[in-house]
Amino acid sequence: MFGLVVTLITQSGNNGSHGAPVTSPTTTQEQAAADPTETPTQTPADDVVTTLSPSPSPSKTTKILKTGDFTLLKGYSADLEHGTVGASVKNPDMAWNGSDEFSAMNGRVADTHEGATPKTCAEALDSPSSTGWMVSGLEGTWFCMPTSANHLAAVEWLGSGDGGIRYHYIVWDMTAPSGDD
């Protein structure tokens, strides 16, 4: 029996090349095509904005799916996965009604004053709330949340301007922790 197990293990290795690293097939990423049914009020969330705090350090292990800047006007929402902002966005991740807080559409958001990395965001989401409070004087606060596609994301509140609230955002190719843990 022991010989059979050893034989199976050695034969199921890297196609007979002992010591070669195990590799997984490479995947390609398609760019999301613009949906022709989207409203003309939607704008890409990639305008140039100077952040007030340093951007998250690039992670050596977690790929960045999307990053950019956007402004939420009163009544607007944002889809971080696709970088769209507008009055009627498909699969929004966050929305702003004009008050001093924004809503996380999935009901889970957590702020972090220590910057945003995949690790700090995953830990912060252990104690989430449903809204992110934007306190005057605390511009540069990062808020972590799952996206509608359940990727881990972070938005940095940059302050008010251009008739709305300005943000910098990043979406990582990492599954957001579930709220059931």
C-alpha atoms as a PDB file:
ATOM      1  CA  MET A   1       0.000   0.000   0.000  1.00  0.00           C
ATOM      2  CA  PHE A   2       2.799   2.448   0.882  1.00  0.00           C
ATOM      3  CA  GLY A   3       4.473   1.858  -2.496  1.00  0.00           C
ATOM      4  CA  LEU A   4       1.224   2.656  -4.306  1.00  0.00           C
ATOM      5  CA  VAL A   5       0.821   5.980  -2.467  1.00  0.00           C
ATOM      6  CA  VAL A   6       4.417   6.991  -3.222  1.00  0.00           C
ATOM      7  CA  THR A   7       3.964   6.026  -6.875  1.00  0.00           C
ATOM      8  CA  LEU A   8       0.777   8.090  -7.174  1.00  0.00           C
ATOM      9  CA  ILE A   9       2.371  11.111  -5.542  1.00  0.00           C
ATOM     10  CA  THR A  10       5.469  11.016  -7.711  1.00  0.00           C
ATOM     11  CA  GLN A  11       3.497  10.420 -10.911  1.00  0.00           C
ATOM     12  CA  SER A  12       1.072  13.255 -10.227  1.00  0.00           C
ATOM     13  CA  GLY A  13       3.920  15.772  -9.919  1.00  0.00           C
ATOM     14  CA  ASN A  14       5.130  18.241 -12.522  1.00  0.00           C
ATOM     15  CA  ASN A  15       4.883  16.016 -15.587  1.00  0.00           C
ATOM     16  CA  GLY A  16       7.929  14.026 -14.582  1.00  0.00           C
ATOM     17  CA  SER A  17      10.262  16.991 -14.075  1.00  0.00           C
ATOM     18  CA  HIS A  18      11.309  16.589 -10.457  1.00  0.00           C
ATOM     19  CA  GLY A  19      12.191  19.780  -8.628  1.00  0.00           C
ATOM     20  CA  ALA A  20      10.495  22.095 -11.161  1.00  0.00           C
ATOM     21  CA  PRO A  21       8.179  24.685  -9.621  1.00  0.00           C
ATOM     22  CA  VAL A  22       4.456  24.164  -9.903  1.00  0.00           C
ATOM     23  CA  THR A  23       2.964  26.826 -12.124  1.00  0.00           C
ATOM     24  CA  SER A  24      -0.614  27.697 -12.772  1.00  0.00           C
ATOM     25  CA  PRO A  25      -1.931  28.697 -16.177  1.00  0.00           C
ATOM     26  CA  THR A  26      -1.791  32.389 -16.910  1.00  0.00           C
ATOM     27  CA  THR A  27      -5.059  34.221 -17.197  1.00  0.00           C
ATOM     28  CA  THR A  28      -5.742  37.249 -19.307  1.00  0.00           C
ATOM     29  CA  GLN A  29      -7.854  40.145 -18.186  1.00  0.00           C
ATOM     30  CA  GLU A  30     -10.384  41.673 -20.542  1.00  0.00           C
ATOM     31  CA  GLN A  31     -11.164  45.342 -20.403  1.00  0.00           C
ATOM     32  CA  ALA A  32     -14.785  45.980 -19.521  1.00  0.00           C
ATOM     33  CA  ALA A  33     -16.589  47.407 -22.520  1.00  0.00           C
ATOM     34  CA  ALA A  34     -18.794  50.407 -21.985  1.00  0.00           C
ATOM     35  CA  ASP A  35     -22.442  49.475 -21.666  1.00  0.00           C
ATOM     36  CA  PRO A  36     -24.395  51.373 -24.338  1.00  0.00           C
ATOM     37  CA  THR A  37     -27.462  51.471 -22.045  1.00  0.00           C
ATOM     38  CA  GLU A  38     -25.690  53.458 -19.333  1.00  0.00           C
ATOM     39  CA  THR A  39     -26.872  57.007 -18.759  1.00  0.00           C
ATOM     40  CA  PRO A  40     -24.871  59.890 -20.204  1.00  0.00           C
ATOM     41  CA  THR A  41     -24.352  61.308 -16.689  1.00  0.00           C
ATOM     42  CA  GLN A  42     -21.886  58.553 -15.892  1.00  0.00           C
ATOM     43  CA  THR A  43     -18.253  59.541 -16.010  1.00  0.00           C
ATOM     44  CA  PRO A  44     -15.094  57.519 -15.715  1.00  0.00           C
ATOM     45  CA  ALA A  45     -13.597  57.581 -12.252  1.00  0.00           C
ATOM     46  CA  ASP A  46     -10.082  58.313 -13.428  1.00  0.00           C
ATOM     47  CA  ASP A  47      -9.765  62.103 -13.305  1.00  0.00           C
ATOM     48  CA  VAL A  48      -6.448  63.451 -12.030  1.00  0.00           C
ATOM     49  CA  VAL A  49      -6.651  64.368  -8.341  1.00  0.00           C
ATOM     50  CA  THR A  50      -3.802  64.931  -5.915  1.00  0.00           C
ATOM     51  CA  THR A  51      -4.237  62.811  -2.795  1.00  0.00           C
ATOM     52  CA  LEU A  52      -3.674  64.245   0.659  1.00  0.00           C
ATOM     53  CA  SER A  53      -2.122  61.083   2.053  1.00  0.00           C
ATOM     54  CA  PRO A  54       0.172  58.535   0.482  1.00  0.00           C
ATOM     55  CA  SER A  55      -1.410  55.929  -1.739  1.00  0.00           C
ATOM     56  CA  PRO A  56      -1.343  52.392  -0.461  1.00  0.00           C
ATOM     57  CA  SER A  57       1.963  50.650  -0.825  1.00  0.00           C
ATOM     58  CA  PRO A  58       1.919  48.303  -3.784  1.00  0.00           C
ATOM     59  CA  SER A  59       1.400  44.766  -2.601  1.00  0.00           C
ATOM     60  CA  LYS A  60       3.903  42.223  -3.858  1.00  0.00           C
ATOM     61  CA  THR A  61       1.303  39.489  -3.616  1.00  0.00           C
ATOM     62  CA  THR A  62      -2.017  41.107  -4.520  1.00  0.00           C
ATOM     63  CA  LYS A  63      -2.708  42.403  -8.025  1.00  0.00           C
ATOM     64  CA  ILE A  64      -4.472  45.754  -8.419  1.00  0.00           C
ATOM     65  CA  LEU A  65      -7.563  45.461 -10.620  1.00  0.00           C
ATOM     66  CA  LYS A  66      -8.525  49.141 -10.785  1.00  0.00           C
ATOM     67  CA  THR A  67      -7.401  52.437  -9.288  1.00  0.00           C
ATOM     68  CA  GLY A  68      -8.276  56.067  -9.905  1.00  0.00           C
ATOM     69  CA  ASP A  69     -10.031  59.169  -8.620  1.00  0.00           C
ATOM     70  CA  PHE A  70     -13.633  60.319  -8.767  1.00  0.00           C
ATOM     71  CA  THR A  71     -16.109  62.867  -7.440  1.00  0.00           C
ATOM     72  CA  LEU A  72     -19.522  61.854  -6.101  1.00  0.00           C
ATOM     73  CA  LEU A  73     -22.197  64.481  -6.589  1.00  0.00           C
ATOM     74  CA  LYS A  74     -25.299  64.474  -4.382  1.00  0.00           C
ATOM     75  CA  GLY A  75     -27.444  61.478  -5.365  1.00  0.00           C
ATOM     76  CA  TYR A  76     -24.633  59.755  -7.286  1.00  0.00           C
ATOM     77  CA  SER A  77     -23.136  56.318  -6.787  1.00  0.00           C
ATOM     78  CA  ALA A  78     -19.886  54.651  -7.869  1.00  0.00           C
ATOM     79  CA  ASP A  79     -19.037  51.226  -9.271  1.00  0.00           C
ATOM     80  CA  LEU A  80     -15.412  50.757  -8.243  1.00  0.00           C
ATOM     81  CA  GLU A  81     -14.968  47.564 -10.285  1.00  0.00           C
ATOM     82  CA  HIS A  82     -15.662  49.384 -13.567  1.00  0.00           C
ATOM     83  CA  GLY A  83     -14.713  52.927 -12.588  1.00  0.00           C
ATOM     84  CA  THR A  84     -18.122  54.440 -13.330  1.00  0.00           C
ATOM     85  CA  VAL A  85     -19.871  57.214 -11.427  1.00  0.00           C
ATOM     86  CA  GLY A  86     -23.347  58.588 -12.019  1.00  0.00           C
ATOM     87  CA  ALA A  87     -26.981  58.909 -11.042  1.00  0.00           C
ATOM     88  CA  SER A  88     -27.881  55.374 -12.151  1.00  0.00           C
ATOM     89  CA  VAL A  89     -24.845  53.097 -12.091  1.00  0.00           C
ATOM     90  CA  LYS A  90     -25.182  49.331 -12.486  1.00  0.00           C
ATOM     91  CA  ASN A  91     -23.840  47.404  -9.462  1.00  0.00           C
ATOM     92  CA  PRO A  92     -22.836  50.420  -7.338  1.00  0.00           C
ATOM     93  CA  ASP A  93     -20.460  49.930  -4.426  1.00  0.00           C
ATOM     94  CA  MET A  94     -21.079  53.235  -2.648  1.00  0.00           C
ATOM     95  CA  ALA A  95     -23.490  56.180  -2.822  1.00  0.00           C
ATOM     96  CA  TRP A  96     -23.707  59.701  -1.395  1.00  0.00           C
ATOM     97  CA  ASN A  97     -26.961  61.517  -0.572  1.00  0.00           C
ATOM     98  CA  GLY A  98     -25.380  64.873   0.288  1.00  0.00           C
ATOM     99  CA  SER A  99     -24.860  64.354   4.039  1.00  0.00           C
ATOM    100  CA  ASP A 100     -21.624  63.868   5.980  1.00  0.00           C
ATOM    101  CA  GLU A 101     -21.595  60.127   5.336  1.00  0.00           C
ATOM    102  CA  PHE A 102     -21.659  57.822   2.343  1.00  0.00           C
ATOM    103  CA  SER A 103     -23.393  54.463   2.144  1.00  0.00           C
ATOM    104  CA  ALA A 104     -21.711  51.177   1.352  1.00  0.00           C
ATOM    105  CA  MET A 105     -24.217  49.445  -0.895  1.00  0.00           C
ATOM    106  CA  ASN A 106     -23.311  46.008   0.472  1.00  0.00           C
ATOM    107  CA  GLY A 107     -23.712  47.284   4.043  1.00  0.00           C
ATOM    108  CA  ARG A 108     -20.060  46.836   5.058  1.00  0.00           C
ATOM    109  CA  VAL A 109     -17.437  49.584   5.324  1.00  0.00           C
ATOM    110  CA  ALA A 110     -14.638  50.207   7.825  1.00  0.00           C
ATOM    111  CA  ASP A 111     -12.309  53.178   8.163  1.00  0.00           C
ATOM    112  CA  THR A 112      -8.599  52.940   8.749  1.00  0.00           C
ATOM    113  CA  HIS A 113      -6.308  55.784   9.739  1.00  0.00           C
ATOM    114  CA  GLU A 114      -3.183  53.702   9.145  1.00  0.00           C
ATOM    115  CA  GLY A 115      -3.404  53.648   5.348  1.00  0.00           C
ATOM    116  CA  ALA A 116      -4.894  50.965   3.167  1.00  0.00           C
ATOM    117  CA  THR A 117      -3.320  47.684   2.190  1.00  0.00           C
ATOM    118  CA  PRO A 118      -5.029  44.378   1.501  1.00  0.00           C
ATOM    119  CA  LYS A 119      -4.042  43.247   5.004  1.00  0.00           C
ATOM    120  CA  THR A 120      -5.221  46.378   6.877  1.00  0.00           C
ATOM    121  CA  CYS A 121      -8.503  46.405   4.930  1.00  0.00           C
ATOM    122  CA  ALA A 122      -9.212  42.726   5.575  1.00  0.00           C
ATOM    123  CA  GLU A 123      -8.555  43.284   9.298  1.00  0.00           C
ATOM    124  CA  ALA A 124     -10.643  46.477   9.397  1.00  0.00           C
ATOM    125  CA  LEU A 125     -13.629  44.656   7.894  1.00  0.00           C
ATOM    126  CA  ASP A 126     -13.763  42.435  10.990  1.00  0.00           C
ATOM    127  CA  SER A 127     -15.764  45.296  12.592  1.00  0.00           C
ATOM    128  CA  PRO A 128     -17.609  47.033   9.738  1.00  0.00           C
ATOM    129  CA  SER A 129     -20.433  49.565   9.759  1.00  0.00           C
ATOM    130  CA  SER A 130     -22.879  50.411   6.972  1.00  0.00           C
ATOM    131  CA  THR A 131     -21.801  54.025   6.393  1.00  0.00           C
ATOM    132  CA  GLY A 132     -18.507  55.884   6.217  1.00  0.00           C
ATOM    133  CA  TRP A 133     -18.384  59.137   8.190  1.00  0.00           C
ATOM    134  CA  MET A 134     -16.480  61.976   6.554  1.00  0.00           C
ATOM    135  CA  VAL A 135     -15.336  64.160   9.453  1.00  0.00           C
ATOM    136  CA  SER A 136     -14.036  67.619   8.562  1.00  0.00           C
ATOM    137  CA  GLY A 137     -10.323  67.777   9.266  1.00  0.00           C
ATOM    138  CA  LEU A 138      -9.818  64.042   8.739  1.00  0.00           C
ATOM    139  CA  GLU A 139      -9.398  64.189   4.979  1.00  0.00           C
ATOM    140  CA  GLY A 140      -7.101  61.376   3.918  1.00  0.00           C
ATOM    141  CA  THR A 141      -9.046  58.743   5.865  1.00  0.00           C
ATOM    142  CA  TRP A 142      -9.219  55.404   4.037  1.00  0.00           C
ATOM    143  CA  PHE A 143     -12.419  53.342   3.981  1.00  0.00           C
ATOM    144  CA  CYS A 144     -12.314  49.624   3.153  1.00  0.00           C
ATOM    145  CA  MET A 145     -15.243  47.716   1.650  1.00  0.00           C
ATOM    146  CA  PRO A 146     -16.145  44.749  -0.515  1.00  0.00           C
ATOM    147  CA  THR A 147     -17.185  45.568  -4.076  1.00  0.00           C
ATOM    148  CA  SER A 148     -20.323  44.255  -5.760  1.00  0.00           C
ATOM    149  CA  ALA A 149     -18.128  41.495  -7.251  1.00  0.00           C
ATOM    150  CA  ASN A 150     -16.764  40.768  -3.730  1.00  0.00           C
ATOM    151  CA  HIS A 151     -13.244  42.088  -4.341  1.00  0.00           C
ATOM    152  CA  LEU A 152     -11.494  44.004  -1.576  1.00  0.00           C
ATOM    153  CA  ALA A 153     -11.451  47.770  -2.186  1.00  0.00           C
ATOM    154  CA  ALA A 154     -10.381  50.951  -0.420  1.00  0.00           C
ATOM    155  CA  VAL A 155     -11.441  54.561  -1.001  1.00  0.00           C
ATOM    156  CA  GLU A 156      -9.585  57.565   0.376  1.00  0.00           C
ATOM    157  CA  TRP A 157     -11.718  60.588   1.216  1.00  0.00           C
ATOM    158  CA  LEU A 158      -9.937  63.590  -0.303  1.00  0.00           C
ATOM    159  CA  GLY A 159     -12.445  66.237   0.773  1.00  0.00           C
ATOM    160  CA  SER A 160     -15.083  68.374  -0.898  1.00  0.00           C
ATOM    161  CA  GLY A 161     -14.699  70.008  -4.270  1.00  0.00           C
ATOM    162  CA  ASP A 162     -16.196  70.331  -7.734  1.00  0.00           C
ATOM    163  CA  GLY A 163     -19.705  70.287  -6.215  1.00  0.00           C
ATOM    164  CA  GLY A 164     -19.260  66.913  -4.556  1.00  0.00           C
ATOM    165  CA  ILE A 165     -17.051  64.652  -2.484  1.00  0.00           C
ATOM    166  CA  ARG A 166     -13.679  63.630  -3.967  1.00  0.00           C
ATOM    167  CA  TYR A 167     -12.157  60.160  -3.546  1.00  0.00           C
ATOM    168  CA  HIS A 168      -9.143  58.126  -4.605  1.00  0.00           C
ATOM    169  CA  TYR A 169      -9.782  54.372  -4.859  1.00  0.00           C
ATOM    170  CA  ILE A 170      -8.106  51.016  -5.362  1.00  0.00           C
ATOM    171  CA  VAL A 171      -9.600  47.567  -6.023  1.00  0.00           C
ATOM    172  CA  TRP A 172      -7.451  44.512  -5.327  1.00  0.00           C
ATOM    173  CA  ASP A 173      -7.731  41.093  -6.964  1.00  0.00           C
ATOM    174  CA  MET A 174      -8.524  39.600  -3.577  1.00  0.00           C
ATOM    175  CA  THR A 175     -11.785  38.203  -2.257  1.00  0.00           C
ATOM    176  CA  ALA A 176     -13.136  40.419   0.498  1.00  0.00           C
ATOM    177  CA  PRO A 177     -13.535  38.714   3.865  1.00  0.00           C
ATOM    178  CA  SER A 178     -17.087  37.619   4.533  1.00  0.00           C
ATOM    179  CA  GLY A 179     -19.062  39.226   7.295  1.00  0.00           C
ATOM    180  CA  ASP A 180     -19.707  35.788   8.791  1.00  0.00           C
ATOM    181  CA  ASP A 181     -16.236  35.280  10.285  1.00  0.00           C
END
